[in-house]
Amino acid sequence: MKLTEKLSIIVFSFTTTLISTAVITNTFNSVAEAAELVKNGSFEIDPLVDPNDPNVTNPNVTGWTKSGDPLDTSLTKISNFPEHNSGNQGLSLGGFIDLSYISQTLSTQPGVEYELSYFLASIDEAPWLDNQFQTFVGGNKIFDQKNISYQAYTPYKFNFTADASSTELKFGSVDRYAFLYLDNVSVKPVPEPSVIGGIAAAGLLGIWLKKKKAISWKK
């Protein structure tokens, strides 16, 4: 094979590989950057009132609405006990008389599937164990557990399909002896099969071009 032909193949392969890499990167970026629907899901926006004293209440939880008895909602506060992969803060759920709630209305698209994920921790231990945690999506209760014993931040995931242009995400909690903690709340669209297929096809194209390039060098 002539040198000019080899060079043209190499340049073509290199350029096409760059294009395929760009396609893969852009596709991954579009998936990764799929709009995070939850505002302040890691509870980092509002600083602690006193970083050295986690017992000093910060009543502000930007992006979220509290509801329930004021005695309970007043103890739902920003804490310095975060999930280890999620910044420096979490949310202490301190209602101790009855269930209180924290909620946020999300902008959704009807018919689109979403993944809800969050981390939940409990510092309760028997025999002093009397708590409850609930999760609601669009008014539907999708999780309800009582007497959650001591656990480090534990991941929970649920999929749901939106049926309206707005969907309420709500958490209910009560803990009569200790505290539950919530962190890293996220809702994102589930990638459609066509997007995943596009990523796979782009990846296979890149592999094929690399093999072709290697063969052309041997000729």
N, C-alpha and C. Protein backbone atom coordinates (compact mmCIF):
# COMPACT_ATOMS: atom_id res chain seq x y z
N MET A 1 0.85 -1.19 0.00
CA MET A 1 0.00 0.00 0.00
C MET A 1 0.89 1.24 0.00
N LYS A 2 0.49 2.28 -0.77
CA LYS A 2 1.30 3.49 -0.86
C LYS A 2 1.22 4.27 0.45
N LEU A 3 2.30 5.03 0.65
CA LEU A 3 2.39 5.80 1.88
C LEU A 3 1.23 6.78 2.01
N THR A 4 0.86 7.42 0.89
CA THR A 4 -0.23 8.41 0.94
C THR A 4 -1.54 7.75 1.33
N GLU A 5 -1.76 6.49 0.83
CA GLU A 5 -2.99 5.78 1.16
C GLU A 5 -3.02 5.43 2.66
N LYS A 6 -1.84 4.97 3.16
CA LYS A 6 -1.76 4.65 4.58
C LYS A 6 -2.05 5.87 5.44
N LEU A 7 -1.44 7.00 5.04
CA LEU A 7 -1.64 8.22 5.80
C LEU A 7 -3.10 8.64 5.79
N SER A 8 -3.75 8.52 4.62
CA SER A 8 -5.15 8.91 4.53
C SER A 8 -6.02 8.03 5.40
N ILE A 9 -5.71 6.72 5.44
CA ILE A 9 -6.48 5.80 6.29
C ILE A 9 -6.28 6.14 7.75
N ILE A 10 -5.01 6.42 8.12
CA ILE A 10 -4.71 6.76 9.52
C ILE A 10 -5.44 8.02 9.94
N VAL A 11 -5.38 9.07 9.06
CA VAL A 11 -6.02 10.33 9.38
C VAL A 11 -7.53 10.14 9.48
N PHE A 12 -8.10 9.38 8.52
CA PHE A 12 -9.53 9.12 8.53
C PHE A 12 -9.94 8.38 9.80
N SER A 13 -9.17 7.34 10.14
CA SER A 13 -9.49 6.54 11.32
C SER A 13 -9.39 7.39 12.58
N PHE A 14 -8.32 8.20 12.65
CA PHE A 14 -8.12 9.03 13.83
C PHE A 14 -9.26 10.03 13.97
N THR A 15 -9.63 10.67 12.84
CA THR A 15 -10.69 11.67 12.87
C THR A 15 -12.03 11.05 13.23
N THR A 16 -12.31 9.89 12.62
CA THR A 16 -13.58 9.23 12.88
C THR A 16 -13.66 8.73 14.31
N THR A 17 -12.51 8.27 14.83
CA THR A 17 -12.47 7.83 16.23
C THR A 17 -12.76 8.99 17.16
N LEU A 18 -12.19 10.16 16.83
CA LEU A 18 -12.47 11.35 17.63
C LEU A 18 -13.94 11.69 17.60
N ILE A 19 -14.55 11.56 16.42
CA ILE A 19 -15.97 11.87 16.28
C ILE A 19 -16.80 10.90 17.11
N SER A 20 -16.44 9.59 17.00
CA SER A 20 -17.21 8.60 17.76
C SER A 20 -17.04 8.81 19.25
N THR A 21 -15.81 9.21 19.67
CA THR A 21 -15.58 9.50 21.08
C THR A 21 -16.42 10.68 21.53
N ALA A 22 -16.50 11.69 20.65
CA ALA A 22 -17.31 12.86 20.97
C ALA A 22 -18.78 12.48 21.10
N VAL A 23 -19.23 11.59 20.21
CA VAL A 23 -20.62 11.13 20.28
C VAL A 23 -20.89 10.45 21.61
N ILE A 24 -19.96 9.53 21.99
CA ILE A 24 -20.13 8.82 23.26
C ILE A 24 -20.13 9.81 24.42
N THR A 25 -19.14 10.73 24.41
CA THR A 25 -19.03 11.69 25.50
C THR A 25 -20.28 12.55 25.60
N ASN A 26 -20.73 13.07 24.45
CA ASN A 26 -21.90 13.93 24.47
C ASN A 26 -23.14 13.19 24.90
N THR A 27 -23.23 11.91 24.49
CA THR A 27 -24.40 11.12 24.89
C THR A 27 -24.39 10.89 26.38
N PHE A 28 -23.21 10.53 26.92
CA PHE A 28 -23.10 10.33 28.36
C PHE A 28 -23.41 11.63 29.10
N ASN A 29 -22.90 12.75 28.56
CA ASN A 29 -23.16 14.02 29.21
C ASN A 29 -24.64 14.34 29.23
N SER A 30 -25.32 14.07 28.09
CA SER A 30 -26.74 14.39 28.02
C SER A 30 -27.52 13.56 29.03
N VAL A 31 -27.08 12.30 29.23
CA VAL A 31 -27.74 11.46 30.22
C VAL A 31 -27.40 11.94 31.63
N ALA A 32 -26.11 12.20 31.86
CA ALA A 32 -25.67 12.62 33.20
C ALA A 32 -26.28 13.95 33.59
N GLU A 33 -26.45 14.82 32.58
CA GLU A 33 -26.96 16.16 32.86
C GLU A 33 -28.48 16.23 32.76
N ALA A 34 -29.11 15.05 32.58
CA ALA A 34 -30.57 15.04 32.59
C ALA A 34 -31.02 15.74 33.86
N ALA A 35 -31.87 16.74 33.68
CA ALA A 35 -32.18 17.68 34.75
C ALA A 35 -32.47 16.99 36.07
N GLU A 36 -31.69 17.34 37.07
CA GLU A 36 -31.98 16.91 38.44
C GLU A 36 -33.21 17.70 38.88
N LEU A 37 -34.26 17.00 39.23
CA LEU A 37 -35.52 17.67 39.53
C LEU A 37 -35.59 18.21 40.96
N VAL A 38 -34.81 17.64 41.85
CA VAL A 38 -34.90 18.03 43.25
C VAL A 38 -33.97 19.21 43.53
N LYS A 39 -34.51 20.21 44.13
CA LYS A 39 -33.69 21.35 44.55
C LYS A 39 -33.20 21.13 45.97
N ASN A 40 -31.92 21.34 46.18
CA ASN A 40 -31.32 21.22 47.52
C ASN A 40 -31.53 19.83 48.11
N GLY A 41 -31.34 18.81 47.27
CA GLY A 41 -31.53 17.44 47.73
C GLY A 41 -30.43 16.96 48.66
N SER A 42 -29.30 17.65 48.66
CA SER A 42 -28.21 17.27 49.58
C SER A 42 -28.14 18.20 50.79
N PHE A 43 -29.07 19.16 50.85
CA PHE A 43 -29.22 20.04 52.02
C PHE A 43 -27.95 20.81 52.36
N GLU A 44 -27.31 21.31 51.30
CA GLU A 44 -26.06 22.05 51.48
C GLU A 44 -26.24 23.56 51.35
N ILE A 45 -27.40 24.01 50.89
CA ILE A 45 -27.58 25.44 50.61
C ILE A 45 -27.59 26.27 51.89
N ASP A 46 -28.25 25.78 52.91
CA ASP A 46 -28.40 26.55 54.15
C ASP A 46 -27.30 26.17 55.14
N PRO A 47 -26.46 27.11 55.54
CA PRO A 47 -25.37 26.77 56.46
C PRO A 47 -25.89 26.49 57.87
N LEU A 48 -25.10 25.75 58.61
CA LEU A 48 -25.43 25.54 60.01
C LEU A 48 -25.38 26.87 60.76
N VAL A 49 -26.25 27.01 61.73
CA VAL A 49 -26.23 28.22 62.56
C VAL A 49 -24.90 28.31 63.30
N ASP A 50 -24.46 27.17 63.81
CA ASP A 50 -23.17 27.10 64.49
C ASP A 50 -22.52 25.77 64.11
N PRO A 51 -21.50 25.79 63.24
CA PRO A 51 -20.87 24.54 62.80
C PRO A 51 -20.31 23.70 63.94
N ASN A 52 -20.07 24.34 65.09
CA ASN A 52 -19.51 23.62 66.22
C ASN A 52 -20.56 23.07 67.18
N ASP A 53 -21.82 23.39 66.90
CA ASP A 53 -22.89 22.92 67.78
C ASP A 53 -24.08 22.47 66.94
N PRO A 54 -24.15 21.18 66.64
CA PRO A 54 -25.23 20.67 65.78
C PRO A 54 -26.60 20.78 66.41
N ASN A 55 -26.67 21.13 67.69
CA ASN A 55 -27.96 21.24 68.35
C ASN A 55 -28.60 22.61 68.18
N VAL A 56 -27.87 23.55 67.58
CA VAL A 56 -28.44 24.86 67.30
C VAL A 56 -29.25 24.77 66.02
N THR A 57 -30.55 24.96 66.12
CA THR A 57 -31.46 24.72 65.01
C THR A 57 -31.31 25.75 63.90
N ASN A 58 -31.22 25.28 62.68
CA ASN A 58 -31.38 26.14 61.51
C ASN A 58 -32.71 25.77 60.88
N PRO A 59 -33.73 26.62 61.02
CA PRO A 59 -35.06 26.26 60.53
C PRO A 59 -35.20 26.32 59.01
N ASN A 60 -34.19 26.87 58.34
CA ASN A 60 -34.29 27.03 56.89
C ASN A 60 -33.91 25.75 56.15
N VAL A 61 -34.78 25.32 55.26
CA VAL A 61 -34.47 24.20 54.37
C VAL A 61 -34.91 24.65 52.98
N THR A 62 -34.04 25.34 52.30
CA THR A 62 -34.37 25.94 51.01
C THR A 62 -34.90 24.91 50.02
N GLY A 63 -36.00 25.27 49.37
CA GLY A 63 -36.58 24.41 48.34
C GLY A 63 -37.62 23.45 48.86
N TRP A 64 -37.72 23.31 50.18
CA TRP A 64 -38.64 22.34 50.78
C TRP A 64 -39.70 23.05 51.62
N THR A 65 -40.87 22.43 51.73
CA THR A 65 -41.96 22.96 52.54
C THR A 65 -42.23 22.01 53.69
N LYS A 66 -42.25 22.56 54.91
CA LYS A 66 -42.56 21.75 56.09
C LYS A 66 -44.05 21.83 56.38
N SER A 67 -44.61 20.73 56.88
CA SER A 67 -46.01 20.74 57.30
C SER A 67 -46.19 19.79 58.47
N GLY A 68 -47.14 20.12 59.34
CA GLY A 68 -47.36 19.34 60.54
C GLY A 68 -47.39 20.24 61.75
N ASP A 69 -47.39 19.64 62.92
CA ASP A 69 -47.39 20.40 64.16
C ASP A 69 -46.09 21.21 64.27
N PRO A 70 -46.19 22.50 64.60
CA PRO A 70 -44.99 23.33 64.69
C PRO A 70 -43.91 22.78 65.62
N LEU A 71 -44.33 22.08 66.68
CA LEU A 71 -43.33 21.49 67.59
C LEU A 71 -42.50 20.44 66.87
N ASP A 72 -43.13 19.72 65.95
CA ASP A 72 -42.40 18.69 65.21
C ASP A 72 -41.57 19.30 64.09
N THR A 73 -42.17 20.20 63.32
CA THR A 73 -41.45 20.76 62.17
C THR A 73 -40.28 21.62 62.61
N SER A 74 -40.36 22.19 63.82
CA SER A 74 -39.25 23.04 64.29
C SER A 74 -37.98 22.24 64.50
N LEU A 75 -38.11 20.93 64.70
CA LEU A 75 -36.95 20.09 64.93
C LEU A 75 -36.43 19.41 63.65
N THR A 76 -37.10 19.69 62.53
CA THR A 76 -36.56 19.25 61.24
C THR A 76 -35.57 20.32 60.81
N LYS A 77 -34.30 19.96 60.83
CA LYS A 77 -33.27 21.00 60.69
C LYS A 77 -32.04 20.45 59.96
N ILE A 78 -31.25 21.38 59.47
CA ILE A 78 -29.97 21.04 58.84
C ILE A 78 -29.02 20.53 59.92
N SER A 79 -28.35 19.42 59.63
CA SER A 79 -27.40 18.87 60.60
C SER A 79 -26.03 18.70 59.96
N ASN A 80 -25.03 18.46 60.80
CA ASN A 80 -23.68 18.20 60.27
C ASN A 80 -23.40 16.70 60.26
N PHE A 81 -24.44 15.93 60.00
CA PHE A 81 -24.32 14.48 59.89
C PHE A 81 -24.74 14.08 58.46
N PRO A 82 -23.81 14.16 57.50
CA PRO A 82 -24.15 13.89 56.10
C PRO A 82 -23.91 12.44 55.71
N GLU A 83 -24.52 12.04 54.61
CA GLU A 83 -24.12 10.80 53.94
C GLU A 83 -22.72 11.05 53.40
N HIS A 84 -21.81 10.06 53.54
CA HIS A 84 -20.38 10.33 53.35
C HIS A 84 -20.01 10.78 51.94
N ASN A 85 -20.88 10.53 50.94
CA ASN A 85 -20.58 10.97 49.57
C ASN A 85 -21.35 12.22 49.20
N SER A 86 -21.90 12.92 50.17
CA SER A 86 -22.81 14.02 49.84
C SER A 86 -22.53 15.26 50.68
N GLY A 87 -21.39 15.86 50.49
CA GLY A 87 -21.12 17.14 51.13
C GLY A 87 -20.90 17.06 52.62
N ASN A 88 -21.28 18.14 53.30
CA ASN A 88 -21.00 18.27 54.74
C ASN A 88 -22.25 18.27 55.61
N GLN A 89 -23.42 18.22 54.99
CA GLN A 89 -24.64 18.36 55.77
C GLN A 89 -25.70 17.33 55.34
N GLY A 90 -26.64 17.09 56.25
CA GLY A 90 -27.80 16.27 55.98
C GLY A 90 -28.99 16.91 56.63
N LEU A 91 -30.11 16.21 56.64
CA LEU A 91 -31.32 16.74 57.27
C LEU A 91 -31.72 15.86 58.43
N SER A 92 -31.81 16.46 59.61
CA SER A 92 -32.27 15.76 60.80
C SER A 92 -33.79 15.84 60.85
N LEU A 93 -34.44 14.68 60.93
CA LEU A 93 -35.90 14.62 61.01
C LEU A 93 -36.28 14.42 62.47
N GLY A 94 -36.66 15.52 63.12
CA GLY A 94 -36.75 15.49 64.57
C GLY A 94 -38.14 15.48 65.16
N GLY A 95 -39.20 15.31 64.35
CA GLY A 95 -40.54 15.29 64.93
C GLY A 95 -40.67 14.19 65.97
N PHE A 96 -41.22 14.52 67.14
CA PHE A 96 -41.25 13.52 68.21
C PHE A 96 -42.65 13.28 68.79
N ILE A 97 -43.65 14.04 68.32
CA ILE A 97 -45.01 13.85 68.82
C ILE A 97 -45.84 13.07 67.81
N ASP A 98 -45.85 13.53 66.58
CA ASP A 98 -46.64 12.89 65.54
C ASP A 98 -45.92 13.06 64.20
N LEU A 99 -46.44 12.43 63.18
CA LEU A 99 -45.84 12.55 61.85
C LEU A 99 -45.84 14.00 61.39
N SER A 100 -44.72 14.44 60.90
CA SER A 100 -44.62 15.73 60.24
C SER A 100 -44.01 15.48 58.87
N TYR A 101 -44.08 16.48 58.00
CA TYR A 101 -43.74 16.24 56.60
C TYR A 101 -42.83 17.33 56.05
N ILE A 102 -42.07 16.93 55.04
CA ILE A 102 -41.28 17.88 54.26
C ILE A 102 -41.49 17.50 52.80
N SER A 103 -41.79 18.50 51.98
CA SER A 103 -42.20 18.19 50.61
C SER A 103 -41.64 19.20 49.62
N GLN A 104 -41.72 18.81 48.35
CA GLN A 104 -41.26 19.65 47.25
C GLN A 104 -42.03 19.25 46.00
N THR A 105 -42.47 20.23 45.23
CA THR A 105 -43.19 19.95 43.99
C THR A 105 -42.21 19.98 42.82
N LEU A 106 -42.16 18.88 42.07
CA LEU A 106 -41.22 18.71 40.98
C LEU A 106 -41.90 18.95 39.63
N SER A 107 -41.16 19.50 38.69
CA SER A 107 -41.66 19.65 37.32
C SER A 107 -41.39 18.35 36.57
N THR A 108 -42.45 17.68 36.15
CA THR A 108 -42.31 16.39 35.48
C THR A 108 -43.04 16.39 34.15
N GLN A 109 -42.81 15.35 33.36
CA GLN A 109 -43.50 15.18 32.09
C GLN A 109 -44.37 13.94 32.16
N PRO A 110 -45.66 14.07 31.87
CA PRO A 110 -46.55 12.90 31.92
C PRO A 110 -46.04 11.77 31.03
N GLY A 111 -46.05 10.56 31.56
CA GLY A 111 -45.63 9.40 30.79
C GLY A 111 -44.16 9.09 30.88
N VAL A 112 -43.37 9.98 31.48
CA VAL A 112 -41.93 9.77 31.61
C VAL A 112 -41.63 9.03 32.91
N GLU A 113 -40.71 8.07 32.83
CA GLU A 113 -40.33 7.31 34.02
C GLU A 113 -39.16 8.00 34.72
N TYR A 114 -39.23 8.06 36.04
CA TYR A 114 -38.21 8.72 36.85
C TYR A 114 -37.70 7.76 37.92
N GLU A 115 -36.47 8.01 38.36
CA GLU A 115 -35.91 7.27 39.48
C GLU A 115 -35.75 8.21 40.66
N LEU A 116 -36.37 7.83 41.78
CA LEU A 116 -36.20 8.54 43.04
C LEU A 116 -35.18 7.78 43.87
N SER A 117 -34.21 8.49 44.40
CA SER A 117 -33.23 7.86 45.29
C SER A 117 -32.95 8.79 46.46
N TYR A 118 -32.62 8.18 47.60
CA TYR A 118 -32.24 8.96 48.77
C TYR A 118 -31.52 8.04 49.75
N PHE A 119 -30.90 8.65 50.76
CA PHE A 119 -30.22 7.91 51.81
C PHE A 119 -30.91 8.21 53.14
N LEU A 120 -31.14 7.17 53.92
CA LEU A 120 -31.82 7.31 55.20
C LEU A 120 -31.00 6.64 56.30
N ALA A 121 -30.83 7.34 57.41
CA ALA A 121 -30.09 6.79 58.55
C ALA A 121 -30.96 6.87 59.80
N SER A 122 -30.68 5.98 60.75
CA SER A 122 -31.37 5.97 62.03
C SER A 122 -30.35 5.76 63.15
N ILE A 123 -30.53 6.49 64.26
CA ILE A 123 -29.65 6.28 65.41
C ILE A 123 -30.42 5.65 66.57
N ASP A 124 -31.59 5.10 66.28
CA ASP A 124 -32.42 4.45 67.30
C ASP A 124 -31.91 3.05 67.62
N GLU A 125 -32.05 2.67 68.86
CA GLU A 125 -31.71 1.31 69.28
C GLU A 125 -32.72 0.82 70.32
N ALA A 126 -33.06 -0.47 70.22
CA ALA A 126 -33.98 -1.07 71.19
C ALA A 126 -33.35 -1.01 72.59
N PRO A 127 -34.14 -0.86 73.65
CA PRO A 127 -35.60 -0.89 73.63
C PRO A 127 -36.25 0.46 73.33
N TRP A 128 -35.43 1.50 73.16
CA TRP A 128 -35.96 2.83 72.87
C TRP A 128 -36.08 2.99 71.36
N LEU A 129 -37.15 2.39 70.84
CA LEU A 129 -37.32 2.33 69.40
C LEU A 129 -38.78 2.60 69.05
N ASP A 130 -39.04 3.81 68.55
CA ASP A 130 -40.40 4.18 68.20
C ASP A 130 -40.34 5.26 67.13
N ASN A 131 -40.22 4.83 65.88
CA ASN A 131 -40.11 5.79 64.79
C ASN A 131 -40.91 5.31 63.58
N GLN A 132 -41.03 6.18 62.61
CA GLN A 132 -41.73 5.85 61.36
C GLN A 132 -41.24 6.78 60.26
N PHE A 133 -41.09 6.21 59.06
CA PHE A 133 -40.66 7.02 57.91
C PHE A 133 -41.51 6.65 56.71
N GLN A 134 -42.00 7.66 56.01
CA GLN A 134 -42.87 7.45 54.86
C GLN A 134 -42.35 8.22 53.65
N THR A 135 -42.64 7.69 52.46
CA THR A 135 -42.31 8.36 51.21
C THR A 135 -43.56 8.40 50.33
N PHE A 136 -43.86 9.58 49.81
CA PHE A 136 -45.01 9.77 48.93
C PHE A 136 -44.54 10.37 47.61
N VAL A 137 -45.11 9.90 46.52
CA VAL A 137 -44.86 10.48 45.20
C VAL A 137 -46.22 10.73 44.54
N GLY A 138 -46.49 11.98 44.24
CA GLY A 138 -47.76 12.31 43.61
C GLY A 138 -48.96 11.91 44.44
N GLY A 139 -48.82 11.97 45.76
CA GLY A 139 -49.91 11.62 46.65
C GLY A 139 -50.02 10.14 46.95
N ASN A 140 -49.20 9.33 46.29
CA ASN A 140 -49.21 7.89 46.53
C ASN A 140 -48.12 7.49 47.51
N LYS A 141 -48.47 6.74 48.54
CA LYS A 141 -47.49 6.27 49.50
C LYS A 141 -46.74 5.08 48.90
N ILE A 142 -45.43 5.24 48.71
CA ILE A 142 -44.65 4.16 48.10
C ILE A 142 -43.73 3.47 49.10
N PHE A 143 -43.62 4.03 50.31
CA PHE A 143 -42.78 3.42 51.33
C PHE A 143 -43.29 3.84 52.70
N ASP A 144 -43.38 2.88 53.61
CA ASP A 144 -43.83 3.18 54.96
C ASP A 144 -43.24 2.14 55.90
N GLN A 145 -42.31 2.56 56.75
CA GLN A 145 -41.66 1.61 57.65
C GLN A 145 -41.64 2.17 59.07
N LYS A 146 -41.93 1.30 60.01
CA LYS A 146 -41.89 1.66 61.42
C LYS A 146 -40.72 0.99 62.12
N ASN A 147 -40.30 1.61 63.20
CA ASN A 147 -39.27 1.05 64.07
C ASN A 147 -38.01 0.65 63.30
N ILE A 148 -37.47 1.64 62.61
CA ILE A 148 -36.21 1.44 61.88
C ILE A 148 -35.08 1.46 62.89
N SER A 149 -34.45 0.33 63.09
CA SER A 149 -33.37 0.24 64.06
C SER A 149 -32.12 0.93 63.52
N TYR A 150 -31.12 1.01 64.39
CA TYR A 150 -29.89 1.72 64.02
C TYR A 150 -29.37 1.26 62.66
N GLN A 151 -29.10 2.22 61.78
CA GLN A 151 -28.48 1.94 60.49
C GLN A 151 -27.72 3.16 60.03
N ALA A 152 -26.57 2.91 59.44
CA ALA A 152 -25.84 4.00 58.78
C ALA A 152 -26.67 4.44 57.58
N TYR A 153 -26.25 5.52 56.94
CA TYR A 153 -26.98 5.98 55.76
C TYR A 153 -27.12 4.82 54.77
N THR A 154 -28.34 4.51 54.42
CA THR A 154 -28.67 3.37 53.58
C THR A 154 -29.39 3.86 52.33
N PRO A 155 -29.00 3.41 51.14
CA PRO A 155 -29.66 3.89 49.91
C PRO A 155 -31.02 3.23 49.68
N TYR A 156 -31.94 4.04 49.19
CA TYR A 156 -33.27 3.56 48.79
C TYR A 156 -33.54 4.08 47.37
N LYS A 157 -34.12 3.23 46.52
CA LYS A 157 -34.43 3.64 45.15
C LYS A 157 -35.81 3.14 44.75
N PHE A 158 -36.53 4.01 44.03
CA PHE A 158 -37.85 3.68 43.54
C PHE A 158 -38.03 4.29 42.15
N ASN A 159 -38.71 3.60 41.27
CA ASN A 159 -39.06 4.14 39.97
C ASN A 159 -40.55 4.47 39.93
N PHE A 160 -40.88 5.56 39.27
CA PHE A 160 -42.28 5.92 39.11
C PHE A 160 -42.47 6.61 37.76
N THR A 161 -43.68 6.56 37.25
CA THR A 161 -44.03 7.22 36.00
C THR A 161 -44.94 8.39 36.31
N ALA A 162 -44.54 9.57 35.87
CA ALA A 162 -45.32 10.77 36.15
C ALA A 162 -46.62 10.76 35.36
N ASP A 163 -47.69 11.26 35.96
CA ASP A 163 -48.96 11.35 35.26
C ASP A 163 -49.45 12.79 35.16
N ALA A 164 -48.56 13.73 35.50
CA ALA A 164 -48.92 15.14 35.42
C ALA A 164 -47.66 15.97 35.20
N SER A 165 -47.85 17.26 34.92
CA SER A 165 -46.71 18.15 34.67
C SER A 165 -46.04 18.59 35.96
N SER A 166 -46.65 18.26 37.09
CA SER A 166 -46.01 18.51 38.38
C SER A 166 -46.31 17.33 39.30
N THR A 167 -45.32 16.97 40.11
CA THR A 167 -45.45 15.81 41.00
C THR A 167 -44.90 16.18 42.37
N GLU A 168 -45.69 15.96 43.39
CA GLU A 168 -45.24 16.26 44.75
C GLU A 168 -44.42 15.09 45.30
N LEU A 169 -43.25 15.42 45.80
CA LEU A 169 -42.41 14.47 46.53
C LEU A 169 -42.50 14.84 48.01
N LYS A 170 -42.86 13.88 48.83
CA LYS A 170 -43.09 14.19 50.25
C LYS A 170 -42.55 13.07 51.13
N PHE A 171 -41.93 13.46 52.23
CA PHE A 171 -41.44 12.51 53.23
C PHE A 171 -42.13 12.81 54.56
N GLY A 172 -42.61 11.76 55.22
CA GLY A 172 -43.20 11.89 56.54
C GLY A 172 -42.35 11.16 57.56
N SER A 173 -42.26 11.71 58.75
CA SER A 173 -41.41 11.06 59.76
C SER A 173 -41.83 11.44 61.17
N VAL A 174 -41.54 10.53 62.08
CA VAL A 174 -41.65 10.80 63.51
C VAL A 174 -40.65 9.90 64.21
N ASP A 175 -40.03 10.41 65.27
CA ASP A 175 -39.08 9.62 66.05
C ASP A 175 -39.18 10.10 67.49
N ARG A 176 -39.73 9.25 68.34
CA ARG A 176 -40.06 9.69 69.69
C ARG A 176 -38.91 9.58 70.69
N TYR A 177 -37.82 8.94 70.30
CA TYR A 177 -36.70 8.79 71.23
C TYR A 177 -35.37 9.31 70.69
N ALA A 178 -35.20 9.25 69.37
CA ALA A 178 -33.90 9.67 68.80
C ALA A 178 -34.16 10.42 67.49
N PHE A 179 -33.35 10.13 66.47
CA PHE A 179 -33.46 10.89 65.23
C PHE A 179 -33.29 10.00 64.01
N LEU A 180 -34.01 10.37 62.96
CA LEU A 180 -33.78 9.84 61.62
C LEU A 180 -33.09 10.94 60.83
N TYR A 181 -32.29 10.53 59.84
CA TYR A 181 -31.56 11.49 59.02
C TYR A 181 -31.78 11.17 57.54
N LEU A 182 -31.96 12.23 56.75
CA LEU A 182 -32.20 12.10 55.31
C LEU A 182 -31.14 12.88 54.56
N ASP A 183 -30.68 12.33 53.43
CA ASP A 183 -29.68 13.05 52.64
C ASP A 183 -29.69 12.56 51.20
N ASN A 184 -29.11 13.40 50.34
CA ASN A 184 -28.84 13.05 48.94
C ASN A 184 -30.11 12.59 48.22
N VAL A 185 -31.16 13.39 48.33
CA VAL A 185 -32.43 13.09 47.65
C VAL A 185 -32.31 13.49 46.18
N SER A 186 -32.69 12.60 45.29
CA SER A 186 -32.53 12.85 43.86
C SER A 186 -33.69 12.25 43.08
N VAL A 187 -34.13 12.97 42.06
CA VAL A 187 -35.10 12.45 41.10
C VAL A 187 -34.61 12.82 39.70
N LYS A 188 -34.38 11.80 38.88
CA LYS A 188 -33.91 12.02 37.51
C LYS A 188 -34.68 11.13 36.55
N PRO A 189 -34.81 11.58 35.29
CA PRO A 189 -35.46 10.73 34.29
C PRO A 189 -34.65 9.46 34.07
N VAL A 190 -35.35 8.35 33.88
CA VAL A 190 -34.68 7.09 33.53
C VAL A 190 -34.35 7.13 32.04
N PRO A 191 -33.07 6.92 31.63
CA PRO A 191 -32.72 6.97 30.20
C PRO A 191 -33.56 5.98 29.40
N GLU A 192 -34.05 6.44 28.26
CA GLU A 192 -34.83 5.57 27.39
C GLU A 192 -33.92 4.55 26.73
N PRO A 193 -34.47 3.39 26.34
CA PRO A 193 -33.66 2.35 25.68
C PRO A 193 -32.94 2.85 24.45
N SER A 194 -33.55 3.78 23.71
CA SER A 194 -32.92 4.29 22.49
C SER A 194 -31.64 5.04 22.81
N VAL A 195 -31.64 5.75 23.95
CA VAL A 195 -30.43 6.48 24.36
C VAL A 195 -29.34 5.50 24.74
N ILE A 196 -29.73 4.48 25.54
CA ILE A 196 -28.76 3.47 25.94
C ILE A 196 -28.22 2.73 24.73
N GLY A 197 -29.12 2.43 23.77
CA GLY A 197 -28.68 1.76 22.54
C GLY A 197 -27.73 2.62 21.75
N GLY A 198 -27.98 3.96 21.77
CA GLY A 198 -27.09 4.85 21.06
C GLY A 198 -25.70 4.87 21.65
N ILE A 199 -25.62 4.81 22.97
CA ILE A 199 -24.33 4.76 23.65
C ILE A 199 -23.60 3.48 23.26
N ALA A 200 -24.32 2.35 23.29
CA ALA A 200 -23.71 1.07 22.95
C ALA A 200 -23.23 1.06 21.51
N ALA A 201 -24.06 1.58 20.59
CA ALA A 201 -23.68 1.59 19.17
C ALA A 201 -22.45 2.46 18.95
N ALA A 202 -22.43 3.62 19.62
CA ALA A 202 -21.27 4.49 19.47
C ALA A 202 -20.01 3.83 20.00
N GLY A 203 -20.17 3.11 21.12
CA GLY A 203 -19.02 2.40 21.68
C GLY A 203 -18.51 1.33 20.76
N LEU A 204 -19.41 0.55 20.17
CA LEU A 204 -19.00 -0.50 19.23
C LEU A 204 -18.34 0.09 18.00
N LEU A 205 -18.85 1.25 17.55
CA LEU A 205 -18.24 1.90 16.39
C LEU A 205 -16.81 2.30 16.70
N GLY A 206 -16.59 2.84 17.90
CA GLY A 206 -15.24 3.24 18.28
C GLY A 206 -14.30 2.05 18.34
N ILE A 207 -14.77 0.91 18.89
CA ILE A 207 -13.95 -0.30 18.97
C ILE A 207 -13.61 -0.81 17.57
N TRP A 208 -14.61 -0.82 16.69
CA TRP A 208 -14.39 -1.30 15.31
C TRP A 208 -13.36 -0.44 14.60
N LEU A 209 -13.46 0.88 14.79
CA LEU A 209 -12.53 1.79 14.11
C LEU A 209 -11.10 1.61 14.63
N LYS A 210 -10.98 1.35 15.93
CA LYS A 210 -9.65 1.13 16.49
C LYS A 210 -9.03 -0.15 15.92
N LYS A 211 -9.84 -1.20 15.78
CA LYS A 211 -9.34 -2.45 15.20
C LYS A 211 -8.93 -2.24 13.75
N LYS A 212 -9.76 -1.48 13.03
CA LYS A 212 -9.45 -1.21 11.62
C LYS A 212 -8.16 -0.43 11.50
N LYS A 213 -7.96 0.50 12.41
CA LYS A 213 -6.75 1.31 12.40
C LYS A 213 -5.53 0.40 12.64
N ALA A 214 -5.65 -0.52 13.60
CA ALA A 214 -4.55 -1.42 13.91
C ALA A 214 -4.20 -2.30 12.72
N ILE A 215 -5.23 -2.78 12.00
CA ILE A 215 -4.99 -3.61 10.83
C ILE A 215 -4.30 -2.82 9.74
N SER A 216 -4.74 -1.56 9.55
CA SER A 216 -4.14 -0.73 8.48
C SER A 216 -2.67 -0.49 8.72
N TRP A 217 -2.24 -0.43 9.98
CA TRP A 217 -0.83 -0.24 10.29
C TRP A 217 0.00 -1.44 9.85
N LYS A 218 -0.60 -2.61 9.89
CA LYS A 218 0.13 -3.84 9.55
C LYS A 218 0.30 -4.03 8.05
N LYS A 219 -0.54 -3.36 7.27
CA LYS A 219 -0.47 -3.54 5.81
C LYS A 219 0.69 -2.75 5.20
